[in-house]
Amino acid sequence: MTFFQYDWNDHDSLAVEIVTTVAELSGTSTESLESIHNVVDSDSLESIFEPRSERSRRETNHIWFAYEGFGITIYGNGFVIIRRLE
């Protein structure tokens, strides 16, 4: 299991951060992995956590999906947990 704190103001997309981390954990290149777009709508990954009107980011939201043998959990506060599925 690994985790990281995603910076919502970062220039790299959340999807890129996830693919890069999964590749590192798998000991492979990002090019050899399935496109994350086949698994989840990468634009939606960030938009579900966007603030509503003038409120702060929706930190209580979270999402889970499986990708390349890993379970990915993303929380609205930017905390991302990646676990190898058994």
PDB file of N, CA and C in Angstrom:
ATOM      1  N   MET A   1       0.847  -1.172   0.000  1.00  0.00           N
ATOM      2  CA  MET A   1       0.000   0.000   0.000  1.00  0.00           C
ATOM      3  C   MET A   1       0.893   1.235   0.000  1.00  0.00           C
ATOM      4  N   THR A   2       0.447   2.222  -0.717  1.00  0.00           N
ATOM      5  CA  THR A   2       1.135   3.509  -0.710  1.00  0.00           C
ATOM      6  C   THR A   2       0.093   4.615  -0.715  1.00  0.00           C
ATOM      7  N   PHE A   3       0.515   5.774  -0.340  1.00  0.00           N
ATOM      8  CA  PHE A   3      -0.398   6.909  -0.351  1.00  0.00           C
ATOM      9  C   PHE A   3       0.384   8.179  -0.639  1.00  0.00           C
ATOM     10  N   PHE A   4      -0.335   9.167  -1.128  1.00  0.00           N
ATOM     11  CA  PHE A   4       0.260  10.478  -1.336  1.00  0.00           C
ATOM     12  C   PHE A   4      -0.820  11.536  -1.220  1.00  0.00           C
ATOM     13  N   GLN A   5      -0.386  12.748  -1.027  1.00  0.00           N
ATOM     14  CA  GLN A   5      -1.290  13.889  -0.937  1.00  0.00           C
ATOM     15  C   GLN A   5      -1.227  14.634  -2.260  1.00  0.00           C
ATOM     16  N   TYR A   6      -2.323  14.634  -2.992  1.00  0.00           N
ATOM     17  CA  TYR A   6      -2.374  15.335  -4.270  1.00  0.00           C
ATOM     18  C   TYR A   6      -2.663  16.811  -4.027  1.00  0.00           C
ATOM     19  N   ASP A   7      -1.925  17.660  -4.712  1.00  0.00           N
ATOM     20  CA  ASP A   7      -2.135  19.104  -4.628  1.00  0.00           C
ATOM     21  C   ASP A   7      -3.103  19.499  -5.743  1.00  0.00           C
ATOM     22  N   TRP A   8      -4.313  19.905  -5.383  1.00  0.00           N
ATOM     23  CA  TRP A   8      -5.335  20.242  -6.369  1.00  0.00           C
ATOM     24  C   TRP A   8      -4.908  21.393  -7.273  1.00  0.00           C
ATOM     25  N   ASN A   9      -3.906  22.142  -6.878  1.00  0.00           N
ATOM     26  CA  ASN A   9      -3.408  23.250  -7.696  1.00  0.00           C
ATOM     27  C   ASN A   9      -2.229  22.841  -8.569  1.00  0.00           C
ATOM     28  N   ASP A  10      -1.854  21.564  -8.515  1.00  0.00           N
ATOM     29  CA  ASP A  10      -0.725  21.050  -9.291  1.00  0.00           C
ATOM     30  C   ASP A  10      -1.051  21.100 -10.785  1.00  0.00           C
ATOM     31  N   HIS A  11      -0.018  21.245 -11.589  1.00  0.00           N
ATOM     32  CA  HIS A  11      -0.210  21.293 -13.041  1.00  0.00           C
ATOM     33  C   HIS A  11      -0.407  19.904 -13.638  1.00  0.00           C
ATOM     34  N   ASP A  12       0.141  18.868 -13.000  1.00  0.00           N
ATOM     35  CA  ASP A  12      -0.092  17.502 -13.466  1.00  0.00           C
ATOM     36  C   ASP A  12      -1.482  17.069 -13.021  1.00  0.00           C
ATOM     37  N   SER A  13      -2.177  16.375 -13.896  1.00  0.00           N
ATOM     38  CA  SER A  13      -3.520  15.920 -13.532  1.00  0.00           C
ATOM     39  C   SER A  13      -3.432  14.791 -12.514  1.00  0.00           C
ATOM     40  N   LEU A  14      -4.511  14.592 -11.807  1.00  0.00           N
ATOM     41  CA  LEU A  14      -4.585  13.510 -10.836  1.00  0.00           C
ATOM     42  C   LEU A  14      -4.399  12.170 -11.533  1.00  0.00           C
ATOM     43  N   ALA A  15      -4.974  12.012 -12.720  1.00  0.00           N
ATOM     44  CA  ALA A  15      -4.834  10.762 -13.474  1.00  0.00           C
ATOM     45  C   ALA A  15      -3.369  10.467 -13.775  1.00  0.00           C
ATOM     46  N   VAL A  16      -2.605  11.480 -14.156  1.00  0.00           N
ATOM     47  CA  VAL A  16      -1.174  11.292 -14.438  1.00  0.00           C
ATOM     48  C   VAL A  16      -0.443  10.843 -13.178  1.00  0.00           C
ATOM     49  N   GLU A  17      -0.750  11.449 -12.048  1.00  0.00           N
ATOM     50  CA  GLU A  17      -0.121  11.069 -10.780  1.00  0.00           C
ATOM     51  C   GLU A  17      -0.436   9.612 -10.433  1.00  0.00           C
ATOM     52  N   ILE A  18      -1.674   9.192 -10.650  1.00  0.00           N
ATOM     53  CA  ILE A  18      -2.065   7.814 -10.341  1.00  0.00           C
ATOM     54  C   ILE A  18      -1.350   6.834 -11.260  1.00  0.00           C
ATOM     55  N   VAL A  19      -1.353   7.095 -12.556  1.00  0.00           N
ATOM     56  CA  VAL A  19      -0.695   6.195 -13.513  1.00  0.00           C
ATOM     57  C   VAL A  19       0.795   6.090 -13.203  1.00  0.00           C
ATOM     58  N   THR A  20       1.436   7.198 -12.906  1.00  0.00           N
ATOM     59  CA  THR A  20       2.864   7.193 -12.585  1.00  0.00           C
ATOM     60  C   THR A  20       3.142   6.367 -11.336  1.00  0.00           C
ATOM     61  N   THR A  21       2.326   6.526 -10.317  1.00  0.00           N
ATOM     62  CA  THR A  21       2.514   5.775  -9.073  1.00  0.00           C
ATOM     63  C   THR A  21       2.273   4.286  -9.284  1.00  0.00           C
ATOM     64  N   VAL A  22       1.229   3.920 -10.016  1.00  0.00           N
ATOM     65  CA  VAL A  22       0.952   2.504 -10.293  1.00  0.00           C
ATOM     66  C   VAL A  22       2.096   1.888 -11.098  1.00  0.00           C
ATOM     67  N   ALA A  23       2.626   2.614 -12.056  1.00  0.00           N
ATOM     68  CA  ALA A  23       3.763   2.110 -12.838  1.00  0.00           C
ATOM     69  C   ALA A  23       4.964   1.861 -11.936  1.00  0.00           C
ATOM     70  N   GLU A  24       5.248   2.777 -11.033  1.00  0.00           N
ATOM     71  CA  GLU A  24       6.364   2.600 -10.100  1.00  0.00           C
ATOM     72  C   GLU A  24       6.148   1.383  -9.213  1.00  0.00           C
ATOM     73  N   LEU A  25       4.937   1.223  -8.685  1.00  0.00           N
ATOM     74  CA  LEU A  25       4.635   0.082  -7.823  1.00  0.00           C
ATOM     75  C   LEU A  25       4.685  -1.237  -8.582  1.00  0.00           C
ATOM     76  N   SER A  26       4.362  -1.201  -9.868  1.00  0.00           N
ATOM     77  CA  SER A  26       4.360  -2.409 -10.702  1.00  0.00           C
ATOM     78  C   SER A  26       5.728  -2.712 -11.287  1.00  0.00           C
ATOM     79  N   GLY A  27       6.636  -1.752 -11.196  1.00  0.00           N
ATOM     80  CA  GLY A  27       7.957  -1.937 -11.789  1.00  0.00           C
ATOM     81  C   GLY A  27       7.913  -1.940 -13.303  1.00  0.00           C
ATOM     82  N   THR A  28       7.054  -1.127 -13.875  1.00  0.00           N
ATOM     83  CA  THR A  28       6.888  -1.083 -15.322  1.00  0.00           C
ATOM     84  C   THR A  28       6.798   0.371 -15.782  1.00  0.00           C
ATOM     85  N   SER A  29       6.711   0.563 -17.070  1.00  0.00           N
ATOM     86  CA  SER A  29       6.594   1.922 -17.601  1.00  0.00           C
ATOM     87  C   SER A  29       5.123   2.323 -17.696  1.00  0.00           C
ATOM     88  N   THR A  30       4.884   3.606 -17.708  1.00  0.00           N
ATOM     89  CA  THR A  30       3.506   4.084 -17.843  1.00  0.00           C
ATOM     90  C   THR A  30       2.917   3.695 -19.195  1.00  0.00           C
ATOM     91  N   GLU A  31       3.757   3.592 -20.212  1.00  0.00           N
ATOM     92  CA  GLU A  31       3.283   3.244 -21.557  1.00  0.00           C
ATOM     93  C   GLU A  31       2.751   1.816 -21.642  1.00  0.00           C
ATOM     94  N   SER A  32       3.226   0.932 -20.763  1.00  0.00           N
ATOM     95  CA  SER A  32       2.785  -0.461 -20.822  1.00  0.00           C
ATOM     96  C   SER A  32       1.484  -0.699 -20.051  1.00  0.00           C
ATOM     97  N   LEU A  33       1.005   0.304 -19.345  1.00  0.00           N
ATOM     98  CA  LEU A  33      -0.244   0.172 -18.598  1.00  0.00           C
ATOM     99  C   LEU A  33      -1.443   0.491 -19.488  1.00  0.00           C
ATOM    100  N   GLU A  34      -2.584  -0.085 -19.133  1.00  0.00           N
ATOM    101  CA  GLU A  34      -3.833   0.247 -19.817  1.00  0.00           C
ATOM    102  C   GLU A  34      -4.117   1.735 -19.618  1.00  0.00           C
ATOM    103  N   SER A  35      -4.712   2.349 -20.593  1.00  0.00           N
ATOM    104  CA  SER A  35      -5.077   3.758 -20.451  1.00  0.00           C
ATOM    105  C   SER A  35      -6.077   3.906 -19.310  1.00  0.00           C
ATOM    106  N   ILE A  36      -5.798   4.810 -18.408  1.00  0.00           N
ATOM    107  CA  ILE A  36      -6.705   5.024 -17.274  1.00  0.00           C
ATOM    108  C   ILE A  36      -8.070   5.516 -17.756  1.00  0.00           C
ATOM    109  N   HIS A  37      -8.105   6.095 -18.948  1.00  0.00           N
ATOM    110  CA  HIS A  37      -9.363   6.584 -19.526  1.00  0.00           C
ATOM    111  C   HIS A  37     -10.314   5.435 -19.860  1.00  0.00           C
ATOM    112  N   ASN A  38      -9.791   4.210 -19.986  1.00  0.00           N
ATOM    113  CA  ASN A  38     -10.635   3.035 -20.214  1.00  0.00           C
ATOM    114  C   ASN A  38     -11.316   2.573 -18.935  1.00  0.00           C
ATOM    115  N   VAL A  39     -10.843   3.061 -17.803  1.00  0.00           N
ATOM    116  CA  VAL A  39     -11.331   2.611 -16.501  1.00  0.00           C
ATOM    117  C   VAL A  39     -12.208   3.658 -15.823  1.00  0.00           C
ATOM    118  N   VAL A  40     -11.805   4.908 -15.940  1.00  0.00           N
ATOM    119  CA  VAL A  40     -12.511   5.991 -15.250  1.00  0.00           C
ATOM    120  C   VAL A  40     -12.398   7.264 -16.092  1.00  0.00           C
ATOM    121  N   ASP A  41     -13.398   8.097 -16.011  1.00  0.00           N
ATOM    122  CA  ASP A  41     -13.362   9.388 -16.700  1.00  0.00           C
ATOM    123  C   ASP A  41     -12.418  10.297 -15.920  1.00  0.00           C
ATOM    124  N   SER A  42     -11.233  10.509 -16.453  1.00  0.00           N
ATOM    125  CA  SER A  42     -10.204  11.241 -15.708  1.00  0.00           C
ATOM    126  C   SER A  42     -10.594  12.693 -15.441  1.00  0.00           C
ATOM    127  N   ASP A  43     -11.384  13.299 -16.308  1.00  0.00           N
ATOM    128  CA  ASP A  43     -11.851  14.666 -16.040  1.00  0.00           C
ATOM    129  C   ASP A  43     -12.775  14.690 -14.822  1.00  0.00           C
ATOM    130  N   SER A  44     -13.562  13.647 -14.681  1.00  0.00           N
ATOM    131  CA  SER A  44     -14.482  13.564 -13.545  1.00  0.00           C
ATOM    132  C   SER A  44     -13.753  13.369 -12.224  1.00  0.00           C
ATOM    133  N   LEU A  45     -12.568  12.773 -12.270  1.00  0.00           N
ATOM    134  CA  LEU A  45     -11.811  12.559 -11.037  1.00  0.00           C
ATOM    135  C   LEU A  45     -11.617  13.861 -10.276  1.00  0.00           C
ATOM    136  N   GLU A  46     -11.320  14.903 -10.991  1.00  0.00           N
ATOM    137  CA  GLU A  46     -11.090  16.183 -10.329  1.00  0.00           C
ATOM    138  C   GLU A  46     -12.380  16.981 -10.164  1.00  0.00           C
ATOM    139  N   SER A  47     -13.289  16.867 -11.128  1.00  0.00           N
ATOM    140  CA  SER A  47     -14.494  17.699 -11.068  1.00  0.00           C
ATOM    141  C   SER A  47     -15.429  17.311  -9.922  1.00  0.00           C
ATOM    142  N   ILE A  48     -15.434  16.049  -9.489  1.00  0.00           N
ATOM    143  CA  ILE A  48     -16.334  15.678  -8.389  1.00  0.00           C
ATOM    144  C   ILE A  48     -15.910  16.307  -7.066  1.00  0.00           C
ATOM    145  N   PHE A  49     -14.666  16.775  -7.019  1.00  0.00           N
ATOM    146  CA  PHE A  49     -14.184  17.403  -5.792  1.00  0.00           C
ATOM    147  C   PHE A  49     -14.152  18.927  -5.877  1.00  0.00           C
ATOM    148  N   GLU A  50     -14.532  19.488  -7.027  1.00  0.00           N
ATOM    149  CA  GLU A  50     -14.502  20.939  -7.191  1.00  0.00           C
ATOM    150  C   GLU A  50     -15.483  21.602  -6.237  1.00  0.00           C
ATOM    151  N   PRO A  51     -15.132  22.799  -5.788  1.00  0.00           N
ATOM    152  CA  PRO A  51     -16.038  23.522  -4.884  1.00  0.00           C
ATOM    153  C   PRO A  51     -17.365  23.840  -5.563  1.00  0.00           C
ATOM    154  N   ARG A  52     -18.418  23.838  -4.789  1.00  0.00           N
ATOM    155  CA  ARG A  52     -19.723  24.278  -5.272  1.00  0.00           C
ATOM    156  C   ARG A  52     -19.829  25.761  -4.967  1.00  0.00           C
ATOM    157  N   SER A  53     -20.117  26.537  -5.944  1.00  0.00           N
ATOM    158  CA  SER A  53     -20.212  28.000  -5.837  1.00  0.00           C
ATOM    159  C   SER A  53     -19.029  28.552  -5.052  1.00  0.00           C
ATOM    160  N   GLU A  54     -19.268  29.191  -3.921  1.00  0.00           N
ATOM    161  CA  GLU A  54     -18.172  29.813  -3.181  1.00  0.00           C
ATOM    162  C   GLU A  54     -17.694  28.967  -2.009  1.00  0.00           C
ATOM    163  N   ARG A  55     -18.180  27.778  -1.876  1.00  0.00           N
ATOM    164  CA  ARG A  55     -17.761  26.910  -0.771  1.00  0.00           C
ATOM    165  C   ARG A  55     -16.386  26.329  -1.040  1.00  0.00           C
ATOM    166  N   SER A  56     -15.842  25.751  -0.008  1.00  0.00           N
ATOM    167  CA  SER A  56     -14.533  25.115  -0.167  1.00  0.00           C
ATOM    168  C   SER A  56     -14.688  23.780  -0.895  1.00  0.00           C
ATOM    169  N   ARG A  57     -13.561  23.218  -1.261  1.00  0.00           N
ATOM    170  CA  ARG A  57     -13.538  21.936  -1.958  1.00  0.00           C
ATOM    171  C   ARG A  57     -14.339  20.904  -1.167  1.00  0.00           C
ATOM    172  N   ARG A  58     -14.995  20.009  -1.866  1.00  0.00           N
ATOM    173  CA  ARG A  58     -15.837  18.983  -1.233  1.00  0.00           C
ATOM    174  C   ARG A  58     -14.953  17.882  -0.645  1.00  0.00           C
ATOM    175  N   GLU A  59     -14.419  18.137   0.535  1.00  0.00           N
ATOM    176  CA  GLU A  59     -13.442  17.238   1.141  1.00  0.00           C
ATOM    177  C   GLU A  59     -14.041  15.946   1.662  1.00  0.00           C
ATOM    178  N   THR A  60     -15.335  15.882   1.868  1.00  0.00           N
ATOM    179  CA  THR A  60     -15.929  14.651   2.388  1.00  0.00           C
ATOM    180  C   THR A  60     -16.214  13.637   1.287  1.00  0.00           C
ATOM    181  N   ASN A  61     -16.152  14.047   0.037  1.00  0.00           N
ATOM    182  CA  ASN A  61     -16.357  13.110  -1.073  1.00  0.00           C
ATOM    183  C   ASN A  61     -15.172  12.164  -1.193  1.00  0.00           C
ATOM    184  N   HIS A  62     -15.444  10.977  -1.676  1.00  0.00           N
ATOM    185  CA  HIS A  62     -14.356  10.063  -2.028  1.00  0.00           C
ATOM    186  C   HIS A  62     -14.838   9.151  -3.152  1.00  0.00           C
ATOM    187  N   ILE A  63     -13.886   8.555  -3.838  1.00  0.00           N
ATOM    188  CA  ILE A  63     -14.183   7.651  -4.948  1.00  0.00           C
ATOM    189  C   ILE A  63     -13.193   6.492  -4.896  1.00  0.00           C
ATOM    190  N   TRP A  64     -13.655   5.310  -5.320  1.00  0.00           N
ATOM    191  CA  TRP A  64     -12.801   4.128  -5.391  1.00  0.00           C
ATOM    192  C   TRP A  64     -12.977   3.508  -6.766  1.00  0.00           C
ATOM    193  N   PHE A  65     -11.868   3.018  -7.338  1.00  0.00           N
ATOM    194  CA  PHE A  65     -11.939   2.248  -8.575  1.00  0.00           C
ATOM    195  C   PHE A  65     -10.720   1.341  -8.644  1.00  0.00           C
ATOM    196  N   ALA A  66     -10.828   0.303  -9.464  1.00  0.00           N
ATOM    197  CA  ALA A  66      -9.718  -0.634  -9.667  1.00  0.00           C
ATOM    198  C   ALA A  66      -8.997  -0.268 -10.953  1.00  0.00           C
ATOM    199  N   TYR A  67      -7.665  -0.363 -10.898  1.00  0.00           N
ATOM    200  CA  TYR A  67      -6.846  -0.046 -12.070  1.00  0.00           C
ATOM    201  C   TYR A  67      -5.571  -0.873 -12.020  1.00  0.00           C
ATOM    202  N   GLU A  68      -5.371  -1.697 -13.046  1.00  0.00           N
ATOM    203  CA  GLU A  68      -4.142  -2.480 -13.208  1.00  0.00           C
ATOM    204  C   GLU A  68      -3.785  -3.299 -11.967  1.00  0.00           C
ATOM    205  N   GLY A  69      -4.795  -3.905 -11.345  1.00  0.00           N
ATOM    206  CA  GLY A  69      -4.552  -4.754 -10.182  1.00  0.00           C
ATOM    207  C   GLY A  69      -4.404  -4.001  -8.870  1.00  0.00           C
ATOM    208  N   PHE A  70      -4.744  -2.726  -8.869  1.00  0.00           N
ATOM    209  CA  PHE A  70      -4.675  -1.908  -7.664  1.00  0.00           C
ATOM    210  C   PHE A  70      -6.034  -1.280  -7.393  1.00  0.00           C
ATOM    211  N   GLY A  71      -6.360  -1.132  -6.121  1.00  0.00           N
ATOM    212  CA  GLY A  71      -7.532  -0.375  -5.712  1.00  0.00           C
ATOM    213  C   GLY A  71      -7.092   1.048  -5.429  1.00  0.00           C
ATOM    214  N   ILE A  72      -7.763   1.994  -6.032  1.00  0.00           N
ATOM    215  CA  ILE A  72      -7.411   3.402  -5.895  1.00  0.00           C
ATOM    216  C   ILE A  72      -8.536   4.103  -5.135  1.00  0.00           C
ATOM    217  N   THR A  73      -8.215   4.736  -4.021  1.00  0.00           N
ATOM    218  CA  THR A  73      -9.186   5.524  -3.270  1.00  0.00           C
ATOM    219  C   THR A  73      -8.702   6.964  -3.240  1.00  0.00           C
ATOM    220  N   ILE A  74      -9.576   7.881  -3.630  1.00  0.00           N
ATOM    221  CA  ILE A  74      -9.240   9.303  -3.666  1.00  0.00           C
ATOM    222  C   ILE A  74     -10.222  10.041  -2.765  1.00  0.00           C
ATOM    223  N   TYR A  75      -9.687  10.867  -1.893  1.00  0.00           N
ATOM    224  CA  TYR A  75     -10.499  11.669  -0.987  1.00  0.00           C
ATOM    225  C   TYR A  75     -10.448  13.134  -1.404  1.00  0.00           C
ATOM    226  N   GLY A  76     -11.487  13.870  -1.062  1.00  0.00           N
ATOM    227  CA  GLY A  76     -11.591  15.268  -1.442  1.00  0.00           C
ATOM    228  C   GLY A  76     -10.488  16.155  -0.905  1.00  0.00           C
ATOM    229  N   ASN A  77      -9.838  15.722   0.173  1.00  0.00           N
ATOM    230  CA  ASN A  77      -8.736  16.509   0.721  1.00  0.00           C
ATOM    231  C   ASN A  77      -7.429  16.264  -0.036  1.00  0.00           C
ATOM    232  N   GLY A  78      -7.497  15.435  -1.096  1.00  0.00           N
ATOM    233  CA  GLY A  78      -6.321  15.152  -1.913  1.00  0.00           C
ATOM    234  C   GLY A  78      -5.571  13.905  -1.508  1.00  0.00           C
ATOM    235  N   PHE A  79      -5.979  13.245  -0.445  1.00  0.00           N
ATOM    236  CA  PHE A  79      -5.314  12.034   0.016  1.00  0.00           C
ATOM    237  C   PHE A  79      -5.669  10.886  -0.931  1.00  0.00           C
ATOM    238  N   VAL A  80      -4.658  10.202  -1.448  1.00  0.00           N
ATOM    239  CA  VAL A  80      -4.846   9.101  -2.393  1.00  0.00           C
ATOM    240  C   VAL A  80      -4.186   7.854  -1.815  1.00  0.00           C
ATOM    241  N   ILE A  81      -4.941   6.762  -1.747  1.00  0.00           N
ATOM    242  CA  ILE A  81      -4.421   5.478  -1.267  1.00  0.00           C
ATOM    243  C   ILE A  81      -4.453   4.500  -2.430  1.00  0.00           C
ATOM    244  N   ILE A  82      -3.340   3.811  -2.639  1.00  0.00           N
ATOM    245  CA  ILE A  82      -3.237   2.815  -3.707  1.00  0.00           C
ATOM    246  C   ILE A  82      -2.821   1.501  -3.070  1.00  0.00           C
ATOM    247  N   ARG A  83      -3.675   0.480  -3.217  1.00  0.00           N
ATOM    248  CA  ARG A  83      -3.427  -0.842  -2.627  1.00  0.00           C
ATOM    249  C   ARG A  83      -3.481  -1.899  -3.708  1.00  0.00           C
ATOM    250  N   ARG A  84      -2.557  -2.836  -3.619  1.00  0.00           N
ATOM    251  CA  ARG A  84      -2.582  -3.976  -4.538  1.00  0.00           C
ATOM    252  C   ARG A  84      -3.781  -4.849  -4.187  1.00  0.00           C
ATOM    253  N   LEU A  85      -4.574  -5.208  -5.193  1.00  0.00           N
ATOM    254  CA  LEU A  85      -5.719  -6.087  -4.982  1.00  0.00           C
ATOM    255  C   LEU A  85      -5.237  -7.526  -4.920  1.00  0.00           C
ATOM    256  N   GLU A  86      -5.852  -8.320  -4.096  1.00  0.00           N
ATOM    257  CA  GLU A  86      -5.465  -9.727  -3.943  1.00  0.00           C
ATOM    258  C   GLU A  86      -6.145 -10.566  -4.995  1.00  0.00           C
TER     259      GLU A  86
END
